[in-house]
Amino acid sequence: MIGIRKRPERLAWVVLAALALALFAVGCGSDDSSDNGEALSELGENEGELNLVAWIGYTESGADYPNVDWVTPFEKETGCKVNVKYGATSDEMVQLMRTGQYDGVSASGDATARLVEGGDVAPVNTDLVPNYADVFPGLKDQPYNTFDGVNYGIPHGRGYNLLLYNTDDVKPAPDTWGVAGFDSAASESYKGHVTAYDNPIYIADAALYLQKHNPELNITDPYELDEEQFNAAIDLLKQQREFIGEYWSDALKQISAYENGDSVVGTTWPYQTSVLQTEGEPVEAVLPSEGATGWSDTWMISSQAEHPNCMYAWMNHILKPKVNAEEAVWYGEAPANQKSCALMGDLPAVYGGTPDYCDTIHAADEAFWNQIAFWETPLADCGDDRGDECKTYDEWVQGWTEVKG
């Protein structure tokens, strides 16, 4: 089992970098807390606008699905007009945030450390987010949202990657990632119609498979790979490449690929599954026997935010019990707010919520979440007696480029 481990000592360098930037800003005489790296001490008037970088499905405004909307109520209540730029990958989100044009981002764990290291985000004063008090304890003070004891964001929810398959084409129903190109024999029938996530962090999915099927590699954490382990994962991904019809990074493009039959099996997010099933497509999604990688996304505020009060209002809004329930069910993840679970059966029919939704998705089951390998930024420090022998994120990027050719 892969646990969620708190190891702030590994991330101390991130905080030191952010602190250095903060001291530089203070030395320059800035009195804007979003410039000097300090959390706001109190809220002021909302600025009337909010610019976000987000995963698709996190900021529904009724534009695509008229009855799915938690942005419009926020705008009416706060006067903050929401503008959203969707990021297809964590790498893209990091680059967008570094432009300084956005107030906040829904960052996954493979982006949060990079954003803190780069001084792109500021600490968050959780006292100014009243609904934070109701967040599941298992989501608070984690390595992907807290650095050296300092909170750098507000939990949004958590979920895990799934194996999506067309029930008409993929038989029998699969229960292993092997059918998605990791096992040649099991994948032969679907050659050219397998899909995989187009991102270096996907190397962890191959490592997770190897952890189960090649125990001699001694992989204990799919984000802490030494040279032998890393090379084994790269070799497996090169094998998978022969079966891939399409690598995806855009959720909407993956939906289209399943709709037109170009893709019949592969890794996905719950959002695509929800949309395809809502549209009547013959698909199902399962958590395979090897487990899965996953995410616990964090709303982070830019260190250059022009609209910090609206950003704080948004972070509190997304944690309102009803809003968090709507978002969680629509996206197919577990809510961050404990109080959301009691509302799941009362949501409008379009969301598809059921009274037992939180039980089904293990919202409060920490033993279950300990089996999910949440995205992290790979570092040289292996976190054990191997020392600095593990591959860094930059090396993961190079490896992924080699896989795709």
Foldseek 3Di string as FASTA:
>chain_A
DFFQDDDLVVLQLLQVLLQVQLVVQVVVVDPDQLQNQEADPDFDAFPQEFEEEEAPLLADCCPVPVQQHLNVVLCVVRNYHYDYDYDLDLVRVLVVLVVLPHFKYFHWAQNQSVCSSVNFFHFYDCVLQVLLVQFFPVLPPGPSQAHPNTGFFGWLFKDFKWKKFFVVQDPPDDQACLCLQLPCVNVVSQALAHEEAQDLLCLLVLLLNCVVVPVVLVDRASLFDFPVSSVNSLVSLLRSVRRYNYYDRRLVVVLVCQVVVSHGIYIDFQLSVLVCVLVPGRMDIDQHPSGGAMTTITMGTTSSRPGNNSSSSVSSSSSDLCNQLQSCLNRVGAGRGPSVLCCQCVDPVSSVGRNCSCVVRVNNPSVSVRRHNGDHFRALQSVDPVGSRGDGNVVSVVSSVVSND
